[in-house]
Amino acid sequence: MSKDKSGQTAGIKLVAKNRRAYFDYMVEEKFEAGICLQGSEVKSIRAGHVSIGESYAKFSETREPELFLLNAHIAEYAWANRNNHEPLRARKLLLHKRELAKLSQVLDRQGLTLIPLSVYFKCGRIKVELGLCRGKKNYDKRESMKARTAQRDMERGD
């Protein structure tokens, strides 16, 4: 896809990004998932009132694997009066069956976590980018900060 002047891919509008996830976790693999929302939630997301900093994805305890996004805060829409939504409710994520089966096996076996990395519009639909993440230790964080400062120094020519 082509990129526009702001550096984003055409047809994709970024709404929220979890910058803290890249600092606290090592992202091993990324997945794109749809999300089940109510009308007032969609309008609130369009206005940019969404926070995914504390959120994570978890499988339900049912027969068939279902993936839910927990602790994602979507603020109430001001004009939705009594038909408003609950800001911290669990929201179902939509993935293919084979992707769900793969994720459930990996999460059970290796002790990884599913963290939402970003929320964006893609061709008019709201998508969530999930990262299969492993937690970083303090020494890993220091190494990544050193590498980032070294990269900045090289770009500046110091």
C-alpha atoms as a PDB file:
ATOM      1  CA  MET A   1       0.000   0.000   0.000  1.00  0.00           C
ATOM      2  CA  SER A   2       1.091   3.545  -0.575  1.00  0.00           C
ATOM      3  CA  LYS A   3       1.899   5.945   2.225  1.00  0.00           C
ATOM      4  CA  ASP A   4       0.548   9.467   2.531  1.00  0.00           C
ATOM      5  CA  LYS A   5       2.368  12.601   3.752  1.00  0.00           C
ATOM      6  CA  SER A   6       1.923  11.740   7.452  1.00  0.00           C
ATOM      7  CA  GLY A   7       3.685   8.373   6.973  1.00  0.00           C
ATOM      8  CA  GLN A   8       0.577   6.232   7.489  1.00  0.00           C
ATOM      9  CA  THR A   9      -0.556   3.590   5.050  1.00  0.00           C
ATOM     10  CA  ALA A  10      -3.425   4.665   2.785  1.00  0.00           C
ATOM     11  CA  GLY A  11      -6.833   3.585   4.121  1.00  0.00           C
ATOM     12  CA  ILE A  12      -5.605   3.253   7.714  1.00  0.00           C
ATOM     13  CA  LYS A  13      -6.278   5.886  10.376  1.00  0.00           C
ATOM     14  CA  LEU A  14      -4.508   5.317  13.698  1.00  0.00           C
ATOM     15  CA  VAL A  15      -6.695   6.068  16.729  1.00  0.00           C
ATOM     16  CA  ALA A  16      -4.648   4.841  19.716  1.00  0.00           C
ATOM     17  CA  LYS A  17      -1.197   3.335  20.208  1.00  0.00           C
ATOM     18  CA  ASN A  18       0.187   1.498  23.240  1.00  0.00           C
ATOM     19  CA  ARG A  19       3.723   2.893  23.430  1.00  0.00           C
ATOM     20  CA  ARG A  20       4.318   1.415  26.860  1.00  0.00           C
ATOM     21  CA  ALA A  21       3.911  -2.107  25.443  1.00  0.00           C
ATOM     22  CA  TYR A  22       7.102  -1.789  23.391  1.00  0.00           C
ATOM     23  CA  PHE A  23       9.014  -0.663  26.488  1.00  0.00           C
ATOM     24  CA  ASP A  24       7.732  -3.369  28.867  1.00  0.00           C
ATOM     25  CA  TYR A  25       7.448  -6.317  26.456  1.00  0.00           C
ATOM     26  CA  MET A  26       9.290  -7.952  23.590  1.00  0.00           C
ATOM     27  CA  VAL A  27       6.791  -8.356  20.746  1.00  0.00           C
ATOM     28  CA  GLU A  28       7.346 -11.708  19.069  1.00  0.00           C
ATOM     29  CA  GLU A  29       4.403 -11.815  16.643  1.00  0.00           C
ATOM     30  CA  LYS A  30       1.564  -9.485  15.604  1.00  0.00           C
ATOM     31  CA  PHE A  31      -2.060 -10.265  14.754  1.00  0.00           C
ATOM     32  CA  GLU A  32      -4.859  -8.112  13.369  1.00  0.00           C
ATOM     33  CA  ALA A  33      -8.289  -8.662  14.926  1.00  0.00           C
ATOM     34  CA  GLY A  34     -11.724  -7.186  14.487  1.00  0.00           C
ATOM     35  CA  ILE A  35     -13.717  -6.140  17.541  1.00  0.00           C
ATOM     36  CA  CYS A  36     -17.428  -6.340  18.472  1.00  0.00           C
ATOM     37  CA  LEU A  37     -18.651  -2.885  19.510  1.00  0.00           C
ATOM     38  CA  GLN A  38     -21.869  -1.032  20.201  1.00  0.00           C
ATOM     39  CA  GLY A  39     -22.821   2.096  18.244  1.00  0.00           C
ATOM     40  CA  SER A  40     -21.918   4.537  21.001  1.00  0.00           C
ATOM     41  CA  GLU A  41     -18.498   2.877  21.341  1.00  0.00           C
ATOM     42  CA  VAL A  42     -17.763   3.370  17.645  1.00  0.00           C
ATOM     43  CA  LYS A  43     -18.664   7.056  17.867  1.00  0.00           C
ATOM     44  CA  SER A  44     -16.480   7.479  20.945  1.00  0.00           C
ATOM     45  CA  ILE A  45     -13.537   5.787  19.200  1.00  0.00           C
ATOM     46  CA  ARG A  46     -14.014   8.038  16.162  1.00  0.00           C
ATOM     47  CA  ALA A  47     -13.684  10.993  18.544  1.00  0.00           C
ATOM     48  CA  GLY A  48     -10.424   9.467  19.862  1.00  0.00           C
ATOM     49  CA  HIS A  49     -11.646   8.670  23.397  1.00  0.00           C
ATOM     50  CA  VAL A  50     -10.008   5.260  23.803  1.00  0.00           C
ATOM     51  CA  SER A  51      -7.200   4.073  26.081  1.00  0.00           C
ATOM     52  CA  ILE A  52      -5.487   0.675  25.742  1.00  0.00           C
ATOM     53  CA  GLY A  53      -2.544   1.233  28.080  1.00  0.00           C
ATOM     54  CA  GLU A  54      -3.753  -1.137  30.819  1.00  0.00           C
ATOM     55  CA  SER A  55      -5.561  -3.640  28.598  1.00  0.00           C
ATOM     56  CA  TYR A  56      -4.832  -7.234  27.617  1.00  0.00           C
ATOM     57  CA  ALA A  57      -6.535 -10.086  25.749  1.00  0.00           C
ATOM     58  CA  LYS A  58      -7.619 -13.331  27.383  1.00  0.00           C
ATOM     59  CA  PHE A  59      -9.439 -16.493  26.300  1.00  0.00           C
ATOM     60  CA  SER A  60     -12.834 -17.291  27.808  1.00  0.00           C
ATOM     61  CA  GLU A  61     -13.494 -20.442  29.810  1.00  0.00           C
ATOM     62  CA  THR A  62     -15.952 -21.960  27.322  1.00  0.00           C
ATOM     63  CA  ARG A  63     -15.879 -25.019  25.082  1.00  0.00           C
ATOM     64  CA  GLU A  64     -15.031 -23.085  21.959  1.00  0.00           C
ATOM     65  CA  PRO A  65     -12.140 -20.641  22.254  1.00  0.00           C
ATOM     66  CA  GLU A  66     -13.238 -17.007  22.298  1.00  0.00           C
ATOM     67  CA  LEU A  67     -10.847 -14.121  22.771  1.00  0.00           C
ATOM     68  CA  PHE A  68     -11.867 -11.036  24.770  1.00  0.00           C
ATOM     69  CA  LEU A  69     -10.237  -7.635  25.230  1.00  0.00           C
ATOM     70  CA  LEU A  70     -10.231  -6.680  28.917  1.00  0.00           C
ATOM     71  CA  ASN A  71      -9.573  -3.326  30.668  1.00  0.00           C
ATOM     72  CA  ALA A  72      -9.738  -1.300  27.448  1.00  0.00           C
ATOM     73  CA  HIS A  73     -11.334   2.032  28.373  1.00  0.00           C
ATOM     74  CA  ILE A  74     -13.665   3.517  25.762  1.00  0.00           C
ATOM     75  CA  ALA A  75     -15.199   6.664  27.216  1.00  0.00           C
ATOM     76  CA  GLU A  76     -18.967   7.103  27.200  1.00  0.00           C
ATOM     77  CA  TYR A  77     -20.305   9.008  24.220  1.00  0.00           C
ATOM     78  CA  ALA A  78     -21.754  12.327  25.399  1.00  0.00           C
ATOM     79  CA  TRP A  79     -24.795  12.302  23.078  1.00  0.00           C
ATOM     80  CA  ALA A  80     -25.863   8.677  23.612  1.00  0.00           C
ATOM     81  CA  ASN A  81     -28.057   9.400  26.715  1.00  0.00           C
ATOM     82  CA  ARG A  82     -29.545   6.197  28.203  1.00  0.00           C
ATOM     83  CA  ASN A  83     -28.286   3.936  25.390  1.00  0.00           C
ATOM     84  CA  ASN A  84     -24.678   4.455  26.435  1.00  0.00           C
ATOM     85  CA  HIS A  85     -22.181   1.645  26.980  1.00  0.00           C
ATOM     86  CA  GLU A  86     -20.120   0.581  29.991  1.00  0.00           C
ATOM     87  CA  PRO A  87     -16.570   1.990  29.552  1.00  0.00           C
ATOM     88  CA  LEU A  88     -14.594  -1.049  30.827  1.00  0.00           C
ATOM     89  CA  ARG A  89     -16.710  -3.953  29.577  1.00  0.00           C
ATOM     90  CA  ALA A  90     -15.122  -7.035  27.987  1.00  0.00           C
ATOM     91  CA  ARG A  91     -15.205  -6.859  24.190  1.00  0.00           C
ATOM     92  CA  LYS A  92     -15.036  -9.886  21.916  1.00  0.00           C
ATOM     93  CA  LEU A  93     -12.163 -10.008  19.415  1.00  0.00           C
ATOM     94  CA  LEU A  94     -12.743 -11.552  16.007  1.00  0.00           C
ATOM     95  CA  LEU A  95     -10.100 -13.884  14.581  1.00  0.00           C
ATOM     96  CA  HIS A  96     -10.158 -16.951  12.341  1.00  0.00           C
ATOM     97  CA  LYS A  97     -10.527 -20.351  14.064  1.00  0.00           C
ATOM     98  CA  ARG A  98      -7.039 -21.447  13.073  1.00  0.00           C
ATOM     99  CA  GLU A  99      -5.549 -18.258  14.532  1.00  0.00           C
ATOM    100  CA  LEU A 100      -7.481 -18.754  17.776  1.00  0.00           C
ATOM    101  CA  ALA A 101      -6.295 -22.366  18.026  1.00  0.00           C
ATOM    102  CA  LYS A 102      -2.683 -21.350  17.400  1.00  0.00           C
ATOM    103  CA  LEU A 103      -2.837 -18.551  19.986  1.00  0.00           C
ATOM    104  CA  SER A 104      -4.421 -20.719  22.676  1.00  0.00           C
ATOM    105  CA  GLN A 105      -1.722 -23.385  22.234  1.00  0.00           C
ATOM    106  CA  VAL A 106       1.122 -20.852  22.351  1.00  0.00           C
ATOM    107  CA  LEU A 107      -0.278 -19.017  25.381  1.00  0.00           C
ATOM    108  CA  ASP A 108      -0.745 -22.252  27.355  1.00  0.00           C
ATOM    109  CA  ARG A 109       2.662 -23.656  26.508  1.00  0.00           C
ATOM    110  CA  GLN A 110       5.078 -20.736  26.546  1.00  0.00           C
ATOM    111  CA  GLY A 111       3.624 -18.310  29.090  1.00  0.00           C
ATOM    112  CA  LEU A 112       3.271 -15.382  26.708  1.00  0.00           C
ATOM    113  CA  THR A 113       0.750 -12.523  26.907  1.00  0.00           C
ATOM    114  CA  LEU A 114      -1.536 -10.932  24.316  1.00  0.00           C
ATOM    115  CA  ILE A 115      -1.264  -7.141  24.503  1.00  0.00           C
ATOM    116  CA  PRO A 116      -3.126  -4.697  22.221  1.00  0.00           C
ATOM    117  CA  LEU A 117      -0.547  -2.546  20.428  1.00  0.00           C
ATOM    118  CA  SER A 118      -2.835  -0.194  18.510  1.00  0.00           C
ATOM    119  CA  VAL A 119      -6.433   0.568  17.558  1.00  0.00           C
ATOM    120  CA  TYR A 120      -7.076   1.866  14.047  1.00  0.00           C
ATOM    121  CA  PHE A 121      -9.624   2.198  11.252  1.00  0.00           C
ATOM    122  CA  LYS A 122      -8.981   0.075   8.188  1.00  0.00           C
ATOM    123  CA  CYS A 123     -11.381   0.641   5.296  1.00  0.00           C
ATOM    124  CA  GLY A 124     -14.029   1.968   7.705  1.00  0.00           C
ATOM    125  CA  ARG A 125     -13.770  -0.908  10.199  1.00  0.00           C
ATOM    126  CA  ILE A 126     -12.153  -0.767  13.617  1.00  0.00           C
ATOM    127  CA  LYS A 127      -9.236  -3.153  14.017  1.00  0.00           C
ATOM    128  CA  VAL A 128      -7.005  -4.007  16.981  1.00  0.00           C
ATOM    129  CA  GLU A 129      -3.388  -5.002  16.494  1.00  0.00           C
ATOM    130  CA  LEU A 130      -2.467  -7.649  19.060  1.00  0.00           C
ATOM    131  CA  GLY A 131       1.085  -8.522  19.978  1.00  0.00           C
ATOM    132  CA  LEU A 132       2.199 -11.883  21.302  1.00  0.00           C
ATOM    133  CA  CYS A 133       4.565 -10.560  23.964  1.00  0.00           C
ATOM    134  CA  ARG A 134       7.131 -11.751  26.470  1.00  0.00           C
ATOM    135  CA  GLY A 135       7.911  -9.536  29.461  1.00  0.00           C
ATOM    136  CA  LYS A 136      11.261  -7.727  29.557  1.00  0.00           C
ATOM    137  CA  LYS A 137      13.599  -7.772  32.513  1.00  0.00           C
ATOM    138  CA  ASN A 138      15.257  -4.580  33.768  1.00  0.00           C
ATOM    139  CA  TYR A 139      18.544  -5.339  32.005  1.00  0.00           C
ATOM    140  CA  ASP A 140      16.665  -5.843  28.710  1.00  0.00           C
ATOM    141  CA  LYS A 141      15.082  -2.398  29.103  1.00  0.00           C
ATOM    142  CA  ARG A 142      18.495  -0.801  29.717  1.00  0.00           C
ATOM    143  CA  GLU A 143      19.929  -2.484  26.621  1.00  0.00           C
ATOM    144  CA  SER A 144      17.074  -1.244  24.434  1.00  0.00           C
ATOM    145  CA  MET A 145      17.538   2.317  25.780  1.00  0.00           C
ATOM    146  CA  LYS A 146      21.280   2.157  24.979  1.00  0.00           C
ATOM    147  CA  ALA A 147      20.570   0.940  21.454  1.00  0.00           C
ATOM    148  CA  ARG A 148      18.004   3.701  20.929  1.00  0.00           C
ATOM    149  CA  THR A 149      20.411   6.452  22.088  1.00  0.00           C
ATOM    150  CA  ALA A 150      23.201   5.009  19.921  1.00  0.00           C
ATOM    151  CA  GLN A 151      20.859   5.052  16.914  1.00  0.00           C
ATOM    152  CA  ARG A 152      19.938   8.697  17.585  1.00  0.00           C
ATOM    153  CA  ASP A 153      23.625   9.665  17.868  1.00  0.00           C
ATOM    154  CA  MET A 154      24.392   7.987  14.543  1.00  0.00           C
ATOM    155  CA  GLU A 155      21.521   9.800  12.840  1.00  0.00           C
ATOM    156  CA  ARG A 156      22.679  13.155  14.212  1.00  0.00           C
ATOM    157  CA  GLY A 157      26.267  12.468  13.202  1.00  0.00           C
ATOM    158  CA  ASP A 158      27.799  12.831  16.689  1.00  0.00           C
END
